[in-house]
PDB file of N, CA and C in Angstrom:
ATOM      1  N   MET A   1     -16.955   0.980   0.209  1.00  0.00           N
ATOM      2  CA  MET A   1     -17.108   2.002   0.768  1.00  0.00           C
ATOM      3  C   MET A   1     -18.190   2.724   0.514  1.00  0.00           C
ATOM      4  N   GLN A   2     -18.805   3.398   1.368  1.00  0.00           N
ATOM      5  CA  GLN A   2     -19.804   4.255   1.525  1.00  0.00           C
ATOM      6  C   GLN A   2     -19.623   5.957   1.280  1.00  0.00           C
ATOM      7  N   ALA A   3     -20.382   6.488   0.978  1.00  0.00           N
ATOM      8  CA  ALA A   3     -20.205   8.248   0.952  1.00  0.00           C
ATOM      9  C   ALA A   3     -20.447   8.719   2.185  1.00  0.00           C
ATOM     10  N   HIS A   4     -21.579   8.187   3.147  1.00  0.00           N
ATOM     11  CA  HIS A   4     -22.000   8.576   4.192  1.00  0.00           C
ATOM     12  C   HIS A   4     -22.061   7.682   5.278  1.00  0.00           C
ATOM     13  N   TYR A   5     -21.649   7.682   6.452  1.00  0.00           N
ATOM     14  CA  TYR A   5     -21.935   6.593   7.583  1.00  0.00           C
ATOM     15  C   TYR A   5     -22.932   7.239   8.676  1.00  0.00           C
ATOM     16  N   ALA A   6     -24.078   6.816   8.669  1.00  0.00           N
ATOM     17  CA  ALA A   6     -24.977   7.159   9.871  1.00  0.00           C
ATOM     18  C   ALA A   6     -24.130   6.570  11.186  1.00  0.00           C
ATOM     19  N   PRO A   7     -24.893   7.169  12.239  1.00  0.00           N
ATOM     20  CA  PRO A   7     -24.609   7.047  13.796  1.00  0.00           C
ATOM     21  C   PRO A   7     -24.824   5.567  14.163  1.00  0.00           C
ATOM     22  N   GLU A   8     -25.562   4.811  13.453  1.00  0.00           N
ATOM     23  CA  GLU A   8     -26.249   3.576  13.521  1.00  0.00           C
ATOM     24  C   GLU A   8     -26.544   3.009  12.282  1.00  0.00           C
ATOM     25  N   PHE A   9     -25.941   1.591  11.994  1.00  0.00           N
ATOM     26  CA  PHE A   9     -26.497   1.014  10.905  1.00  0.00           C
ATOM     27  C   PHE A   9     -25.901  -0.613  11.027  1.00  0.00           C
ATOM     28  N   HIS A  10     -26.637  -1.416  10.168  1.00  0.00           N
ATOM     29  CA  HIS A  10     -26.281  -2.757   9.975  1.00  0.00           C
ATOM     30  C   HIS A  10     -25.816  -3.118   8.669  1.00  0.00           C
ATOM     31  N   ARG A  11     -24.750  -4.201   8.808  1.00  0.00           N
ATOM     32  CA  ARG A  11     -24.312  -4.496   7.504  1.00  0.00           C
ATOM     33  C   ARG A  11     -24.271  -6.051   7.428  1.00  0.00           C
ATOM     34  N   GLU A  12     -24.284  -6.569   6.466  1.00  0.00           N
ATOM     35  CA  GLU A  12     -23.929  -7.998   6.216  1.00  0.00           C
ATOM     36  C   GLU A  12     -22.603  -8.064   5.520  1.00  0.00           C
ATOM     37  N   GLN A  13     -21.502  -8.562   6.391  1.00  0.00           N
ATOM     38  CA  GLN A  13     -20.170  -8.754   5.925  1.00  0.00           C
ATOM     39  C   GLN A  13     -19.914  -9.944   5.479  1.00  0.00           C
ATOM     40  N   GLY A  14     -19.248 -10.171   4.256  1.00  0.00           N
ATOM     41  CA  GLY A  14     -18.984 -11.387   3.553  1.00  0.00           C
ATOM     42  C   GLY A  14     -17.388 -11.641   3.980  1.00  0.00           C
ATOM     43  N   ILE A  15     -17.468 -12.209   5.352  1.00  0.00           N
ATOM     44  CA  ILE A  15     -16.240 -12.420   6.055  1.00  0.00           C
ATOM     45  C   ILE A  15     -16.521 -13.618   7.122  1.00  0.00           C
ATOM     46  N   THR A  16     -15.620 -14.411   7.383  1.00  0.00           N
ATOM     47  CA  THR A  16     -15.829 -15.417   8.592  1.00  0.00           C
ATOM     48  C   THR A  16     -15.266 -14.678   9.643  1.00  0.00           C
ATOM     49  N   GLU A  17     -15.892 -15.285  10.990  1.00  0.00           N
ATOM     50  CA  GLU A  17     -15.680 -14.445  12.135  1.00  0.00           C
ATOM     51  C   GLU A  17     -14.190 -14.513  12.440  1.00  0.00           C
ATOM     52  N   ALA A  18     -13.358 -15.787  12.199  1.00  0.00           N
ATOM     53  CA  ALA A  18     -12.141 -15.860  12.404  1.00  0.00           C
ATOM     54  C   ALA A  18     -11.316 -14.697  11.676  1.00  0.00           C
ATOM     55  N   ASP A  19     -11.481 -14.519  10.507  1.00  0.00           N
ATOM     56  CA  ASP A  19     -11.027 -13.179   9.561  1.00  0.00           C
ATOM     57  C   ASP A  19     -11.253 -12.117  10.086  1.00  0.00           C
ATOM     58  N   TRP A  20     -12.468 -11.779  10.644  1.00  0.00           N
ATOM     59  CA  TRP A  20     -13.231 -10.635  10.974  1.00  0.00           C
ATOM     60  C   TRP A  20     -11.953 -10.147  12.446  1.00  0.00           C
ATOM     61  N   LEU A  21     -12.182 -11.286  13.403  1.00  0.00           N
ATOM     62  CA  LEU A  21     -11.462 -11.163  14.547  1.00  0.00           C
ATOM     63  C   LEU A  21      -9.889 -10.899  14.227  1.00  0.00           C
ATOM     64  N   GLN A  22      -9.618 -11.394  13.258  1.00  0.00           N
ATOM     65  CA  GLN A  22      -7.832 -10.993  12.948  1.00  0.00           C
ATOM     66  C   GLN A  22      -7.664  -9.625  12.542  1.00  0.00           C
ATOM     67  N   LEU A  23      -8.689  -9.029  11.367  1.00  0.00           N
ATOM     68  CA  LEU A  23      -8.648  -7.781  10.803  1.00  0.00           C
ATOM     69  C   LEU A  23      -9.149  -6.672  12.040  1.00  0.00           C
ATOM     70  N   LEU A  24     -10.120  -6.990  12.888  1.00  0.00           N
ATOM     71  CA  LEU A  24     -10.573  -5.962  13.715  1.00  0.00           C
ATOM     72  C   LEU A  24      -9.396  -5.186  14.540  1.00  0.00           C
ATOM     73  N   PRO A  25      -8.247  -5.711  15.180  1.00  0.00           N
ATOM     74  CA  PRO A  25      -7.405  -4.789  15.977  1.00  0.00           C
ATOM     75  C   PRO A  25      -6.591  -3.733  14.749  1.00  0.00           C
ATOM     76  N   ARG A  26      -6.500  -4.203  13.585  1.00  0.00           N
ATOM     77  CA  ARG A  26      -5.849  -3.499  12.699  1.00  0.00           C
ATOM     78  C   ARG A  26      -6.770  -2.321  12.190  1.00  0.00           C
ATOM     79  N   ALA A  27      -8.202  -2.640  12.118  1.00  0.00           N
ATOM     80  CA  ALA A  27      -9.065  -1.871  11.667  1.00  0.00           C
ATOM     81  C   ALA A  27      -9.237  -0.739  12.531  1.00  0.00           C
ATOM     82  N   ALA A  28      -8.972  -1.057  13.828  1.00  0.00           N
ATOM     83  CA  ALA A  28      -9.169  -0.105  15.191  1.00  0.00           C
ATOM     84  C   ALA A  28      -8.279   0.993  15.231  1.00  0.00           C
ATOM     85  N   GLN A  29      -7.143   0.994  14.134  1.00  0.00           N
ATOM     86  CA  GLN A  29      -6.162   1.880  14.063  1.00  0.00           C
ATOM     87  C   GLN A  29      -5.390   2.194  15.261  1.00  0.00           C
ATOM     88  N   ASP A  30      -4.973   3.314  15.923  1.00  0.00           N
ATOM     89  CA  ASP A  30      -4.219   3.435  17.029  1.00  0.00           C
ATOM     90  C   ASP A  30      -5.208   3.623  18.280  1.00  0.00           C
ATOM     91  N   HIS A  31      -6.531   2.949  17.875  1.00  0.00           N
ATOM     92  CA  HIS A  31      -7.620   3.410  19.041  1.00  0.00           C
ATOM     93  C   HIS A  31      -7.695   2.240  19.966  1.00  0.00           C
ATOM     94  N   ALA A  32      -8.028   2.340  21.198  1.00  0.00           N
ATOM     95  CA  ALA A  32      -8.347   1.320  22.184  1.00  0.00           C
ATOM     96  C   ALA A  32      -9.346   0.408  21.708  1.00  0.00           C
ATOM     97  N   LEU A  33      -9.123  -0.854  21.943  1.00  0.00           N
ATOM     98  CA  LEU A  33     -10.340  -1.909  21.289  1.00  0.00           C
ATOM     99  C   LEU A  33     -10.262  -2.927  22.632  1.00  0.00           C
ATOM    100  N   LYS A  34     -11.694  -3.130  22.872  1.00  0.00           N
ATOM    101  CA  LYS A  34     -12.038  -4.117  23.939  1.00  0.00           C
ATOM    102  C   LYS A  34     -12.997  -4.824  23.073  1.00  0.00           C
ATOM    103  N   MET A  35     -12.451  -6.294  23.276  1.00  0.00           N
ATOM    104  CA  MET A  35     -13.254  -7.422  22.694  1.00  0.00           C
ATOM    105  C   MET A  35     -13.776  -8.300  23.647  1.00  0.00           C
ATOM    106  N   ALA A  36     -15.162  -8.702  23.199  1.00  0.00           N
ATOM    107  CA  ALA A  36     -15.756  -9.775  23.870  1.00  0.00           C
ATOM    108  C   ALA A  36     -16.331 -10.896  22.866  1.00  0.00           C
ATOM    109  N   GLU A  37     -16.992 -11.802  23.095  1.00  0.00           N
ATOM    110  CA  GLU A  37     -17.690 -12.642  22.186  1.00  0.00           C
ATOM    111  C   GLU A  37     -18.973 -12.141  21.575  1.00  0.00           C
ATOM    112  N   GLY A  38     -18.719 -11.867  20.355  1.00  0.00           N
ATOM    113  CA  GLY A  38     -19.801 -11.392  19.542  1.00  0.00           C
ATOM    114  C   GLY A  38     -19.991 -10.039  19.646  1.00  0.00           C
ATOM    115  N   GLN A  39     -18.703  -9.206  20.240  1.00  0.00           N
ATOM    116  CA  GLN A  39     -18.694  -7.765  20.115  1.00  0.00           C
ATOM    117  C   GLN A  39     -17.385  -6.935  20.619  1.00  0.00           C
ATOM    118  N   ALA A  40     -17.417  -5.787  20.314  1.00  0.00           N
ATOM    119  CA  ALA A  40     -16.217  -5.064  20.332  1.00  0.00           C
ATOM    120  C   ALA A  40     -16.700  -3.483  20.622  1.00  0.00           C
ATOM    121  N   GLU A  41     -15.624  -2.848  21.088  1.00  0.00           N
ATOM    122  CA  GLU A  41     -15.973  -1.606  21.614  1.00  0.00           C
ATOM    123  C   GLU A  41     -14.392  -0.680  21.204  1.00  0.00           C
ATOM    124  N   ILE A  42     -14.499   0.274  20.372  1.00  0.00           N
ATOM    125  CA  ILE A  42     -13.356   0.952  19.938  1.00  0.00           C
ATOM    126  C   ILE A  42     -13.422   2.508  20.323  1.00  0.00           C
ATOM    127  N   ALA A  43     -12.527   2.897  21.122  1.00  0.00           N
ATOM    128  CA  ALA A  43     -12.445   4.261  21.930  1.00  0.00           C
ATOM    129  C   ALA A  43     -12.104   5.254  20.812  1.00  0.00           C
ATOM    130  N   ILE A  44     -12.867   6.355  20.320  1.00  0.00           N
ATOM    131  CA  ILE A  44     -12.215   7.344  19.445  1.00  0.00           C
ATOM    132  C   ILE A  44     -12.487   8.772  19.841  1.00  0.00           C
ATOM    133  N   ASP A  45     -11.369   9.269  20.190  1.00  0.00           N
ATOM    134  CA  ASP A  45     -11.189  10.347  20.826  1.00  0.00           C
ATOM    135  C   ASP A  45     -12.235  10.473  22.134  1.00  0.00           C
ATOM    136  N   SER A  46     -13.457  11.206  21.868  1.00  0.00           N
ATOM    137  CA  SER A  46     -14.098  11.319  23.303  1.00  0.00           C
ATOM    138  C   SER A  46     -15.436  10.406  23.122  1.00  0.00           C
ATOM    139  N   GLY A  47     -15.700   9.629  22.058  1.00  0.00           N
ATOM    140  CA  GLY A  47     -16.653   9.061  21.532  1.00  0.00           C
ATOM    141  C   GLY A  47     -16.280   7.373  21.525  1.00  0.00           C
ATOM    142  N   ARG A  48     -17.104   6.512  21.107  1.00  0.00           N
ATOM    143  CA  ARG A  48     -16.706   5.208  20.415  1.00  0.00           C
ATOM    144  C   ARG A  48     -17.824   4.546  19.701  1.00  0.00           C
ATOM    145  N   LEU A  49     -17.082   3.475  19.271  1.00  0.00           N
ATOM    146  CA  LEU A  49     -17.747   2.812  18.068  1.00  0.00           C
ATOM    147  C   LEU A  49     -18.010   1.328  19.051  1.00  0.00           C
ATOM    148  N   VAL A  50     -19.450   0.762  19.092  1.00  0.00           N
ATOM    149  CA  VAL A  50     -19.684  -0.339  19.480  1.00  0.00           C
ATOM    150  C   VAL A  50     -20.004  -1.179  18.226  1.00  0.00           C
ATOM    151  N   LEU A  51     -19.459  -2.654  18.270  1.00  0.00           N
ATOM    152  CA  LEU A  51     -20.033  -3.327  17.342  1.00  0.00           C
ATOM    153  C   LEU A  51     -20.555  -4.531  17.956  1.00  0.00           C
ATOM    154  N   ALA A  52     -21.553  -5.271  17.384  1.00  0.00           N
ATOM    155  CA  ALA A  52     -22.260  -6.499  17.698  1.00  0.00           C
ATOM    156  C   ALA A  52     -22.175  -7.426  16.338  1.00  0.00           C
ATOM    157  N   TRP A  53     -22.001  -8.514  16.630  1.00  0.00           N
ATOM    158  CA  TRP A  53     -21.995  -9.406  15.244  1.00  0.00           C
ATOM    159  C   TRP A  53     -22.486 -10.937  15.821  1.00  0.00           C
ATOM    160  N   ARG A  54     -23.046 -11.502  14.478  1.00  0.00           N
ATOM    161  CA  ARG A  54     -23.471 -12.828  14.582  1.00  0.00           C
ATOM    162  C   ARG A  54     -23.271 -13.526  13.488  1.00  0.00           C
ATOM    163  N   VAL A  55     -22.562 -14.703  13.431  1.00  0.00           N
ATOM    164  CA  VAL A  55     -22.331 -15.512  12.312  1.00  0.00           C
ATOM    165  C   VAL A  55     -23.804 -15.726  11.852  1.00  0.00           C
ATOM    166  N   MET A  56     -23.870 -15.797  10.414  1.00  0.00           N
ATOM    167  CA  MET A  56     -25.046 -16.023   9.790  1.00  0.00           C
ATOM    168  C   MET A  56     -24.800 -17.108   8.839  1.00  0.00           C
ATOM    169  N   PRO A  57     -25.893 -18.257   8.462  1.00  0.00           N
ATOM    170  CA  PRO A  57     -25.555 -19.295   7.412  1.00  0.00           C
ATOM    171  C   PRO A  57     -24.837 -18.731   6.218  1.00  0.00           C
ATOM    172  N   PRO A  58     -23.824 -19.502   5.689  1.00  0.00           N
ATOM    173  CA  PRO A  58     -23.219 -18.951   4.547  1.00  0.00           C
ATOM    174  C   PRO A  58     -24.182 -18.723   3.365  1.00  0.00           C
ATOM    175  N   ARG A  59     -23.853 -17.860   2.457  1.00  0.00           N
ATOM    176  CA  ARG A  59     -24.737 -17.613   1.339  1.00  0.00           C
ATOM    177  C   ARG A  59     -24.326 -18.756   0.252  1.00  0.00           C
ATOM    178  N   GLN A  60     -25.125 -19.492  -0.424  1.00  0.00           N
ATOM    179  CA  GLN A  60     -24.909 -20.370  -1.326  1.00  0.00           C
ATOM    180  C   GLN A  60     -25.135 -20.028  -2.826  1.00  0.00           C
ATOM    181  N   ILE A  61     -24.245 -19.934  -3.769  1.00  0.00           N
ATOM    182  CA  ILE A  61     -24.678 -19.664  -5.135  1.00  0.00           C
ATOM    183  C   ILE A  61     -23.882 -20.439  -5.955  1.00  0.00           C
ATOM    184  N   ALA A  62     -24.864 -21.740  -6.307  1.00  0.00           N
ATOM    185  CA  ALA A  62     -24.451 -22.912  -7.192  1.00  0.00           C
ATOM    186  C   ALA A  62     -23.406 -23.559  -6.187  1.00  0.00           C
ATOM    187  N   LEU A  63     -22.382 -23.953  -6.598  1.00  0.00           N
ATOM    188  CA  LEU A  63     -21.192 -24.572  -5.665  1.00  0.00           C
ATOM    189  C   LEU A  63     -20.678 -23.901  -4.623  1.00  0.00           C
ATOM    190  N   ILE A  64     -20.670 -22.576  -4.841  1.00  0.00           N
ATOM    191  CA  ILE A  64     -20.036 -21.318  -3.961  1.00  0.00           C
ATOM    192  C   ILE A  64     -20.648 -21.163  -2.737  1.00  0.00           C
ATOM    193  N   ARG A  65     -19.898 -21.537  -1.494  1.00  0.00           N
ATOM    194  CA  ARG A  65     -20.270 -20.871  -0.323  1.00  0.00           C
ATOM    195  C   ARG A  65     -19.581 -19.685   0.052  1.00  0.00           C
ATOM    196  N   LEU A  66     -20.158 -18.831   0.561  1.00  0.00           N
ATOM    197  CA  LEU A  66     -19.763 -17.463   0.998  1.00  0.00           C
ATOM    198  C   LEU A  66     -20.082 -17.152   2.455  1.00  0.00           C
ATOM    199  N   PRO A  67     -19.381 -16.982   3.374  1.00  0.00           N
ATOM    200  CA  PRO A  67     -19.468 -16.668   4.956  1.00  0.00           C
ATOM    201  C   PRO A  67     -20.073 -15.299   5.000  1.00  0.00           C
ATOM    202  N   ARG A  68     -20.939 -15.235   5.951  1.00  0.00           N
ATOM    203  CA  ARG A  68     -21.692 -13.983   6.375  1.00  0.00           C
ATOM    204  C   ARG A  68     -21.516 -13.963   7.673  1.00  0.00           C
ATOM    205  N   LEU A  69     -21.402 -12.301   7.903  1.00  0.00           N
ATOM    206  CA  LEU A  69     -21.520 -11.929   9.727  1.00  0.00           C
ATOM    207  C   LEU A  69     -22.661 -10.654   9.419  1.00  0.00           C
ATOM    208  N   ALA A  70     -23.370 -10.798  10.181  1.00  0.00           N
ATOM    209  CA  ALA A  70     -24.322  -9.669  10.545  1.00  0.00           C
ATOM    210  C   ALA A  70     -23.661  -8.880  11.658  1.00  0.00           C
ATOM    211  N   VAL A  71     -23.339  -7.566  11.194  1.00  0.00           N
ATOM    212  CA  VAL A  71     -22.838  -6.741  12.093  1.00  0.00           C
ATOM    213  C   VAL A  71     -23.734  -5.509  12.286  1.00  0.00           C
ATOM    214  N   HIS A  72     -23.802  -5.112  13.528  1.00  0.00           N
ATOM    215  CA  HIS A  72     -24.380  -3.682  13.982  1.00  0.00           C
ATOM    216  C   HIS A  72     -23.252  -2.759  14.482  1.00  0.00           C
ATOM    217  N   TYR A  73     -23.357  -1.768  13.616  1.00  0.00           N
ATOM    218  CA  TYR A  73     -22.491  -0.506  14.139  1.00  0.00           C
ATOM    219  C   TYR A  73     -23.209   0.535  14.752  1.00  0.00           C
ATOM    220  N   ARG A  74     -22.634   1.108  15.925  1.00  0.00           N
ATOM    221  CA  ARG A  74     -23.475   2.227  16.596  1.00  0.00           C
ATOM    222  C   ARG A  74     -22.302   2.992  17.179  1.00  0.00           C
ATOM    223  N   PHE A  75     -22.138   4.333  16.810  1.00  0.00           N
ATOM    224  CA  PHE A  75     -21.277   5.323  17.221  1.00  0.00           C
ATOM    225  C   PHE A  75     -21.997   5.980  18.419  1.00  0.00           C
ATOM    226  N   GLU A  76     -21.184   6.648  19.313  1.00  0.00           N
ATOM    227  CA  GLU A  76     -21.734   7.361  20.594  1.00  0.00           C
ATOM    228  C   GLU A  76     -20.838   8.400  20.658  1.00  0.00           C
ATOM    229  N   GLY A  77     -21.064   9.618  20.651  1.00  0.00           N
ATOM    230  CA  GLY A  77     -20.367  10.829  21.063  1.00  0.00           C
ATOM    231  C   GLY A  77     -19.192  11.073  20.104  1.00  0.00           C
ATOM    232  N   LEU A  78     -19.418  10.947  18.748  1.00  0.00           N
ATOM    233  CA  LEU A  78     -18.581  11.092  17.889  1.00  0.00           C
ATOM    234  C   LEU A  78     -19.222  12.095  16.786  1.00  0.00           C
ATOM    235  N   ALA A  79     -18.495  13.142  16.349  1.00  0.00           N
ATOM    236  CA  ALA A  79     -18.954  14.129  15.376  1.00  0.00           C
ATOM    237  C   ALA A  79     -18.999  13.501  14.211  1.00  0.00           C
ATOM    238  N   ASP A  80     -20.033  14.031  13.393  1.00  0.00           N
ATOM    239  CA  ASP A  80     -20.336  13.330  12.119  1.00  0.00           C
ATOM    240  C   ASP A  80     -18.818  13.161  11.057  1.00  0.00           C
ATOM    241  N   ALA A  81     -17.887  14.344  11.157  1.00  0.00           N
ATOM    242  CA  ALA A  81     -16.803  14.379  10.324  1.00  0.00           C
ATOM    243  C   ALA A  81     -15.918  13.508  10.668  1.00  0.00           C
ATOM    244  N   ASP A  82     -15.684  13.063  12.019  1.00  0.00           N
ATOM    245  CA  ASP A  82     -14.957  12.437  12.643  1.00  0.00           C
ATOM    246  C   ASP A  82     -15.306  10.920  12.257  1.00  0.00           C
ATOM    247  N   ARG A  83     -16.632  10.729  12.282  1.00  0.00           N
ATOM    248  CA  ARG A  83     -17.038   9.186  12.073  1.00  0.00           C
ATOM    249  C   ARG A  83     -16.836   9.082  10.597  1.00  0.00           C
ATOM    250  N   GLN A  84     -16.848   9.899   9.797  1.00  0.00           N
ATOM    251  CA  GLN A  84     -16.678   9.700   8.484  1.00  0.00           C
ATOM    252  C   GLN A  84     -15.361   9.200   7.871  1.00  0.00           C
ATOM    253  N   VAL A  85     -14.393  10.076   8.720  1.00  0.00           N
ATOM    254  CA  VAL A  85     -12.974   9.460   8.561  1.00  0.00           C
ATOM    255  C   VAL A  85     -12.519   8.375   9.023  1.00  0.00           C
ATOM    256  N   PHE A  86     -13.052   8.110  10.204  1.00  0.00           N
ATOM    257  CA  PHE A  86     -12.822   6.856  10.905  1.00  0.00           C
ATOM    258  C   PHE A  86     -13.063   5.598   9.961  1.00  0.00           C
ATOM    259  N   MET A  87     -14.463   5.635   9.611  1.00  0.00           N
ATOM    260  CA  MET A  87     -15.071   4.774   8.796  1.00  0.00           C
ATOM    261  C   MET A  87     -14.469   4.390   7.519  1.00  0.00           C
ATOM    262  N   LYS A  88     -14.035   5.437   6.802  1.00  0.00           N
ATOM    263  CA  LYS A  88     -13.442   5.091   5.351  1.00  0.00           C
ATOM    264  C   LYS A  88     -12.101   4.531   5.814  1.00  0.00           C
ATOM    265  N   ARG A  89     -11.286   4.639   6.697  1.00  0.00           N
ATOM    266  CA  ARG A  89     -10.105   3.669   7.054  1.00  0.00           C
ATOM    267  C   ARG A  89     -10.392   2.540   7.291  1.00  0.00           C
ATOM    268  N   PHE A  90     -11.608   2.001   8.352  1.00  0.00           N
ATOM    269  CA  PHE A  90     -11.901   1.132   8.750  1.00  0.00           C
ATOM    270  C   PHE A  90     -12.355   0.326   7.634  1.00  0.00           C
ATOM    271  N   ASP A  91     -13.232   0.735   6.846  1.00  0.00           N
ATOM    272  CA  ASP A  91     -13.499  -0.379   5.494  1.00  0.00           C
ATOM    273  C   ASP A  91     -12.341  -0.505   4.755  1.00  0.00           C
ATOM    274  N   LEU A  92     -11.552   0.426   4.550  1.00  0.00           N
ATOM    275  CA  LEU A  92     -10.350  -0.167   3.530  1.00  0.00           C
ATOM    276  C   LEU A  92      -9.700  -1.298   4.166  1.00  0.00           C
ATOM    277  N   THR A  93      -9.566  -1.436   5.485  1.00  0.00           N
ATOM    278  CA  THR A  93      -8.911  -2.448   6.131  1.00  0.00           C
ATOM    279  C   THR A  93      -9.608  -3.595   6.278  1.00  0.00           C
ATOM    280  N   ILE A  94     -11.150  -3.721   6.421  1.00  0.00           N
ATOM    281  CA  ILE A  94     -11.929  -4.919   6.346  1.00  0.00           C
ATOM    282  C   ILE A  94     -12.272  -5.359   5.110  1.00  0.00           C
ATOM    283  N   GLN A  95     -12.073  -4.663   3.916  1.00  0.00           N
ATOM    284  CA  GLN A  95     -12.692  -4.761   2.674  1.00  0.00           C
ATOM    285  C   GLN A  95     -12.266  -6.161   2.272  1.00  0.00           C
ATOM    286  N   ARG A  96     -12.802  -6.740   1.701  1.00  0.00           N
ATOM    287  CA  ARG A  96     -12.161  -8.138   0.907  1.00  0.00           C
ATOM    288  C   ARG A  96     -12.643  -8.299  -0.386  1.00  0.00           C
ATOM    289  N   GLY A  97     -11.832  -8.972  -1.010  1.00  0.00           N
ATOM    290  CA  GLY A  97     -12.046  -8.998  -2.733  1.00  0.00           C
ATOM    291  C   GLY A  97     -11.544  -7.932  -3.462  1.00  0.00           C
ATOM    292  N   GLY A  98     -12.075  -8.041  -4.367  1.00  0.00           N
ATOM    293  CA  GLY A  98     -11.803  -7.158  -5.676  1.00  0.00           C
ATOM    294  C   GLY A  98     -11.610  -5.611  -5.338  1.00  0.00           C
ATOM    295  N   GLY A  99     -11.471  -4.771  -6.099  1.00  0.00           N
ATOM    296  CA  GLY A  99     -11.130  -3.273  -6.375  1.00  0.00           C
ATOM    297  C   GLY A  99     -12.299  -2.480  -5.683  1.00  0.00           C
TER     298      GLY A  99
END
């Protein structure tokens, strides 16, 4: 989890697209979610979060292969404080692995 979330940023997520698609509705919380192939939009009050992703080749470390998604996050029309609150909860839902 980050301390601050900019209005627009990119991330490499260590998750399969199938797992991402399964977690995304829960991560959207009670906000309206529209999904299409490789993209989603979450309506948050008077603003929105636009997500776009693409599957990347797995990261290989010795015999371990880790899935990767390149995800672009873009907030529109959302106050800084509201963006921070939403993303903290979003990250807790999407977070994978250890503590």
